[in-house]
Each structure stands twice: as structure tokens, then as C-alpha cells.
C-alpha atoms as a PDB file:
ATOM      1  CA  MET A   1       0.000   0.000   0.000  1.00  0.00           C
ATOM      2  CA  SER A   2       1.547   3.294  -1.059  1.00  0.00           C
ATOM      3  CA  THR A   3       1.013   6.613   0.671  1.00  0.00           C
ATOM      4  CA  ASP A   4       1.664  10.092  -0.567  1.00  0.00           C
ATOM      5  CA  GLN A   5       2.563  11.259   2.927  1.00  0.00           C
ATOM      6  CA  PRO A   6       6.070  12.735   3.286  1.00  0.00           C
ATOM      7  CA  GLU A   7       8.526  10.743   5.308  1.00  0.00           C
ATOM      8  CA  LEU A   8       9.741  12.186   8.605  1.00  0.00           C
ATOM      9  CA  THR A   9      13.178  12.321   7.078  1.00  0.00           C
ATOM     10  CA  ASP A  10      11.808  14.805   4.512  1.00  0.00           C
ATOM     11  CA  ALA A  11      11.379  17.444   7.223  1.00  0.00           C
ATOM     12  CA  PRO A  12      13.531  20.554   6.852  1.00  0.00           C
ATOM     13  CA  ASP A  13      16.679  20.706   8.952  1.00  0.00           C
ATOM     14  CA  GLU A  14      15.598  23.952  10.587  1.00  0.00           C
ATOM     15  CA  VAL A  15      12.120  25.097  11.456  1.00  0.00           C
ATOM     16  CA  PRO A  16      11.742  28.809  10.696  1.00  0.00           C
ATOM     17  CA  MET A  17      11.109  30.847  13.829  1.00  0.00           C
ATOM     18  CA  PRO A  18       8.431  33.539  13.760  1.00  0.00           C
ATOM     19  CA  THR A  19       9.714  37.074  13.484  1.00  0.00           C
ATOM     20  CA  PRO A  20       9.470  38.797  16.879  1.00  0.00           C
ATOM     21  CA  VAL A  21       6.861  41.523  17.079  1.00  0.00           C
ATOM     22  CA  GLU A  22       8.333  44.958  17.630  1.00  0.00           C
ATOM     23  CA  ALA A  23       6.610  47.795  19.420  1.00  0.00           C
ATOM     24  CA  ASP A  24       5.747  50.942  17.502  1.00  0.00           C
ATOM     25  CA  ALA A  25       8.855  53.129  17.855  1.00  0.00           C
ATOM     26  CA  ILE A  26       6.908  56.385  18.158  1.00  0.00           C
ATOM     27  CA  LEU A  27       4.592  55.020  20.861  1.00  0.00           C
ATOM     28  CA  GLN A  28       7.618  53.577  22.653  1.00  0.00           C
ATOM     29  CA  PHE A  29       9.254  57.031  22.573  1.00  0.00           C
ATOM     30  CA  ILE A  30       6.097  58.665  23.990  1.00  0.00           C
ATOM     31  CA  VAL A  31       5.972  56.051  26.767  1.00  0.00           C
ATOM     32  CA  SER A  32       9.620  56.833  27.572  1.00  0.00           C
ATOM     33  CA  LEU A  33       8.694  60.545  27.820  1.00  0.00           C
ATOM     34  CA  ALA A  34       5.875  59.708  30.227  1.00  0.00           C
ATOM     35  CA  ASN A  35       8.289  57.625  32.301  1.00  0.00           C
ATOM     36  CA  ASP A  36      11.082  60.222  32.322  1.00  0.00           C
ATOM     37  CA  VAL A  37       9.414  63.654  32.234  1.00  0.00           C
ATOM     38  CA  ASP A  38       7.671  64.566  35.471  1.00  0.00           C
ATOM     39  CA  GLY A  39       4.023  65.421  34.860  1.00  0.00           C
ATOM     40  CA  PHE A  40       3.931  64.300  31.203  1.00  0.00           C
ATOM     41  CA  GLU A  41       0.596  62.687  30.359  1.00  0.00           C
ATOM     42  CA  MET A  42      -1.301  62.288  27.125  1.00  0.00           C
ATOM     43  CA  GLY A  43      -4.731  61.063  26.083  1.00  0.00           C
ATOM     44  CA  VAL A  44      -4.493  57.982  23.846  1.00  0.00           C
ATOM     45  CA  THR A  45      -6.585  55.228  22.363  1.00  0.00           C
ATOM     46  CA  LEU A  46      -4.764  51.934  21.906  1.00  0.00           C
ATOM     47  CA  PHE A  47      -5.951  49.119  19.680  1.00  0.00           C
ATOM     48  CA  THR A  48      -5.203  45.725  21.208  1.00  0.00           C
ATOM     49  CA  PRO A  49      -6.222  42.113  20.469  1.00  0.00           C
ATOM     50  CA  SER A  50      -8.912  42.402  23.146  1.00  0.00           C
ATOM     51  CA  GLY A  51     -10.281  45.638  21.679  1.00  0.00           C
ATOM     52  CA  PRO A  52      -9.714  49.382  21.941  1.00  0.00           C
ATOM     53  CA  VAL A  53      -8.769  50.911  25.271  1.00  0.00           C
ATOM     54  CA  SER A  54      -8.715  54.663  25.784  1.00  0.00           C
ATOM     55  CA  GLY A  55      -7.238  56.632  28.674  1.00  0.00           C
ATOM     56  CA  ILE A  56      -4.446  58.868  29.878  1.00  0.00           C
ATOM     57  CA  LEU A  57      -0.968  57.546  29.088  1.00  0.00           C
ATOM     58  CA  THR A  58       1.077  58.102  32.221  1.00  0.00           C
ATOM     59  CA  GLY A  59       4.512  57.209  33.520  1.00  0.00           C
ATOM     60  CA  ILE A  60       5.230  54.004  35.375  1.00  0.00           C
ATOM     61  CA  ASP A  61       5.853  55.770  38.713  1.00  0.00           C
ATOM     62  CA  LYS A  62       2.571  57.679  38.637  1.00  0.00           C
ATOM     63  CA  TRP A  63       0.722  54.500  37.622  1.00  0.00           C
ATOM     64  CA  PHE A  64       2.211  52.529  40.526  1.00  0.00           C
ATOM     65  CA  ASP A  65       1.392  55.395  42.904  1.00  0.00           C
ATOM     66  CA  ALA A  66      -2.226  55.272  41.691  1.00  0.00           C
ATOM     67  CA  TRP A  67      -2.208  51.471  42.154  1.00  0.00           C
ATOM     68  CA  GLU A  68      -1.004  51.794  45.756  1.00  0.00           C
ATOM     69  CA  GLN A  69      -3.627  54.462  46.483  1.00  0.00           C
ATOM     70  CA  MET A  70      -6.394  52.343  44.932  1.00  0.00           C
ATOM     71  CA  VAL A  71      -5.389  49.321  47.013  1.00  0.00           C
ATOM     72  CA  LYS A  72      -5.309  51.445  50.194  1.00  0.00           C
ATOM     73  CA  GLU A  73      -8.723  52.960  49.497  1.00  0.00           C
ATOM     74  CA  GLY A  74     -10.238  49.578  48.711  1.00  0.00           C
ATOM     75  CA  SER A  75      -8.883  47.874  51.805  1.00  0.00           C
ATOM     76  CA  THR A  76     -10.254  47.717  55.305  1.00  0.00           C
ATOM     77  CA  GLY A  77      -6.840  48.013  56.938  1.00  0.00           C
ATOM     78  CA  HIS A  78      -6.147  44.328  56.441  1.00  0.00           C
ATOM     79  CA  SER A  79      -2.512  43.328  56.955  1.00  0.00           C
ATOM     80  CA  PHE A  80      -2.517  41.508  53.593  1.00  0.00           C
ATOM     81  CA  VAL A  81      -3.142  44.798  51.762  1.00  0.00           C
ATOM     82  CA  GLU A  82      -0.396  46.544  53.710  1.00  0.00           C
ATOM     83  CA  GLY A  83       1.955  43.666  52.878  1.00  0.00           C
ATOM     84  CA  LEU A  84       0.956  43.804  49.205  1.00  0.00           C
ATOM     85  CA  ASN A  85       1.772  47.502  48.949  1.00  0.00           C
ATOM     86  CA  LYS A  86       5.053  47.016  50.829  1.00  0.00           C
ATOM     87  CA  THR A  87       6.069  44.178  48.488  1.00  0.00           C
ATOM     88  CA  LEU A  88       5.095  46.244  45.456  1.00  0.00           C
ATOM     89  CA  ALA A  89       7.205  49.179  46.681  1.00  0.00           C
ATOM     90  CA  GLU A  90      10.189  46.856  47.236  1.00  0.00           C
ATOM     91  CA  ARG A  91       9.821  45.339  43.768  1.00  0.00           C
ATOM     92  CA  ARG A  92       9.564  48.800  42.198  1.00  0.00           C
ATOM     93  CA  SER A  93      12.854  49.817  43.779  1.00  0.00           C
ATOM     94  CA  GLU A  94      14.499  46.651  42.377  1.00  0.00           C
ATOM     95  CA  LEU A  95      13.440  47.347  38.785  1.00  0.00           C
ATOM     96  CA  PRO A  96      16.378  48.204  36.538  1.00  0.00           C
ATOM     97  CA  PRO A  97      16.295  51.674  35.000  1.00  0.00           C
ATOM     98  CA  GLN A  98      14.380  51.673  31.744  1.00  0.00           C
ATOM     99  CA  THR A  99      15.654  53.101  28.521  1.00  0.00           C
ATOM    100  CA  GLN A 100      13.606  53.692  25.427  1.00  0.00           C
ATOM    101  CA  ASP A 101      14.833  50.355  24.047  1.00  0.00           C
ATOM    102  CA  THR A 102      13.924  48.337  27.152  1.00  0.00           C
ATOM    103  CA  ILE A 103      10.400  49.659  27.783  1.00  0.00           C
ATOM    104  CA  ARG A 104       7.921  46.791  27.490  1.00  0.00           C
ATOM    105  CA  TYR A 105       4.711  48.154  29.046  1.00  0.00           C
ATOM    106  CA  VAL A 106       2.393  51.093  28.543  1.00  0.00           C
ATOM    107  CA  HIS A 107       0.383  52.445  31.496  1.00  0.00           C
ATOM    108  CA  LEU A 108      -2.975  54.192  31.399  1.00  0.00           C
ATOM    109  CA  THR A 109      -5.050  55.858  34.083  1.00  0.00           C
ATOM    110  CA  GLY A 110      -8.732  56.644  33.623  1.00  0.00           C
ATOM    111  CA  ALA A 111      -8.929  53.844  31.051  1.00  0.00           C
ATOM    112  CA  HIS A 112     -12.134  52.737  29.343  1.00  0.00           C
ATOM    113  CA  PHE A 113     -12.661  49.731  27.092  1.00  0.00           C
ATOM    114  CA  ILE A 114     -14.731  50.341  23.984  1.00  0.00           C
ATOM    115  CA  SER A 115     -17.084  47.576  22.924  1.00  0.00           C
ATOM    116  CA  GLY A 116     -20.143  47.670  20.701  1.00  0.00           C
ATOM    117  CA  GLY A 117     -20.357  51.466  20.788  1.00  0.00           C
ATOM    118  CA  GLN A 118     -20.252  51.501  24.581  1.00  0.00           C
ATOM    119  CA  MET A 119     -17.526  52.303  27.067  1.00  0.00           C
ATOM    120  CA  VAL A 120     -16.735  50.141  30.066  1.00  0.00           C
ATOM    121  CA  PRO A 121     -16.872  51.556  32.662  1.00  0.00           C
ATOM    122  CA  VAL A 122     -19.747  53.662  31.334  1.00  0.00           C
ATOM    123  CA  SER A 123     -18.787  57.017  29.833  1.00  0.00           C
ATOM    124  CA  GLY A 124     -18.757  59.672  32.551  1.00  0.00           C
ATOM    125  CA  GLN A 125     -17.664  57.154  35.212  1.00  0.00           C
ATOM    126  CA  PRO A 126     -14.091  57.040  36.518  1.00  0.00           C
ATOM    127  CA  GLY A 127     -11.856  54.847  34.426  1.00  0.00           C
ATOM    128  CA  LEU A 128      -9.552  52.021  35.395  1.00  0.00           C
ATOM    129  CA  LEU A 129      -5.836  51.554  35.790  1.00  0.00           C
ATOM    130  CA  TRP A 130      -4.579  49.622  32.768  1.00  0.00           C
ATOM    131  CA  ARG A 131      -1.184  48.109  31.942  1.00  0.00           C
ATOM    132  CA  GLY A 132      -0.430  46.346  28.685  1.00  0.00           C
ATOM    133  CA  GLN A 133       2.502  45.145  26.630  1.00  0.00           C
ATOM    134  CA  LEU A 134       3.648  47.561  23.948  1.00  0.00           C
ATOM    135  CA  THR A 135       3.999  44.662  21.508  1.00  0.00           C
ATOM    136  CA  ASP A 136       0.254  43.941  21.877  1.00  0.00           C
ATOM    137  CA  VAL A 137      -0.668  47.395  20.588  1.00  0.00           C
ATOM    138  CA  SER A 138      -1.416  47.099  16.875  1.00  0.00           C
ATOM    139  CA  GLY A 139      -2.353  50.746  16.409  1.00  0.00           C
ATOM    140  CA  TRP A 140      -2.948  53.900  18.394  1.00  0.00           C
ATOM    141  CA  SER A 141      -4.320  57.407  18.245  1.00  0.00           C
ATOM    142  CA  PRO A 142      -3.229  60.421  20.311  1.00  0.00           C
ATOM    143  CA  VAL A 143      -6.819  61.044  21.396  1.00  0.00           C
ATOM    144  CA  LYS A 144      -8.774  59.826  24.425  1.00  0.00           C
ATOM    145  CA  MET A 145     -12.167  58.716  23.155  1.00  0.00           C
ATOM    146  CA  SER A 146     -15.391  59.645  24.854  1.00  0.00           C
ATOM    147  CA  LEU A 147     -18.954  58.807  24.056  1.00  0.00           C
ATOM    148  CA  PRO A 148     -22.010  60.755  25.180  1.00  0.00           C
ATOM    149  CA  PRO A 149     -23.849  59.109  28.079  1.00  0.00           C
ATOM    150  CA  ARG A 150     -26.795  56.988  26.983  1.00  0.00           C
ATOM    151  CA  ASP A 151     -30.282  58.115  27.957  1.00  0.00           C
END
């Protein structure tokens, strides 16, 4: 019985590796400005595999400060929360300095997801803290989107 299936020995010697995805160089530069220039923030809409997200691009330090404040406000003084913030502060101090070429994440405050013509959280409500990989951003706009509240 003959088969037209290739033999295992017919396999190529090397399997081609996928080309690594690179972050948009301009967005990476803007993220480095937000990280390095005190007070620099910018409204942006990022297009990601899970959908558009719109918010205020902010530096890593300000984002982590907002994270710590959010955790404090949402806690009831539980020792776990205090330990979480302490561990986060220690880890932040251990992070190596970032250069434009080593930045991997973009940070947003006041972020809203856009889905089916609606914003989550609802337009007019405070947004979320959002952190995503630069390589997951397929496109972006230097504008924070807003939709009128629904009646």
C-alpha cells in the first residue's frame, strides 16, 4: 500500500522561527517621555487584540502610585493589603532603570474599554488603571475617546 505522505526524514533541517513583534517606535518614545518627564501625560486610544482601550498615558511611577492608592482605598486596613503595597514598593525599587529600548509596558489611568459602541466603565464614570505590553498594541491614536452618556 503506497502513501503520498512525506517521510519524517523529509522534514527541513531547521524550522523557521516567527519574526518577533516589535513595538511601535513612536509610541515607545512617547511612553519613555511619560516615564522620564515629570508630569507628562497624554490622552491615547490603543488598539489591542482584546479591543480598543482609551485613557491617559502616564509614567510608570505615577501609575504605581495610583495602584497603591487604589489598594489602600479599597482595603479595610487588612494586613494583607499593607503587605501587598510594601512588596510592590520593594519590587519597584528593584526594577532596573528603563531606557527607550527596554520599555515593554504602557500604562494608562482613567482607562475605558470600547465595545459595541459603549464604554466600560460607562462614559462619565471614573476609568480604570490599565497596563499592557507595547507589543500587543497594533495601532494607536493620540486622542482619548469619549462617548455621550446613553439616555
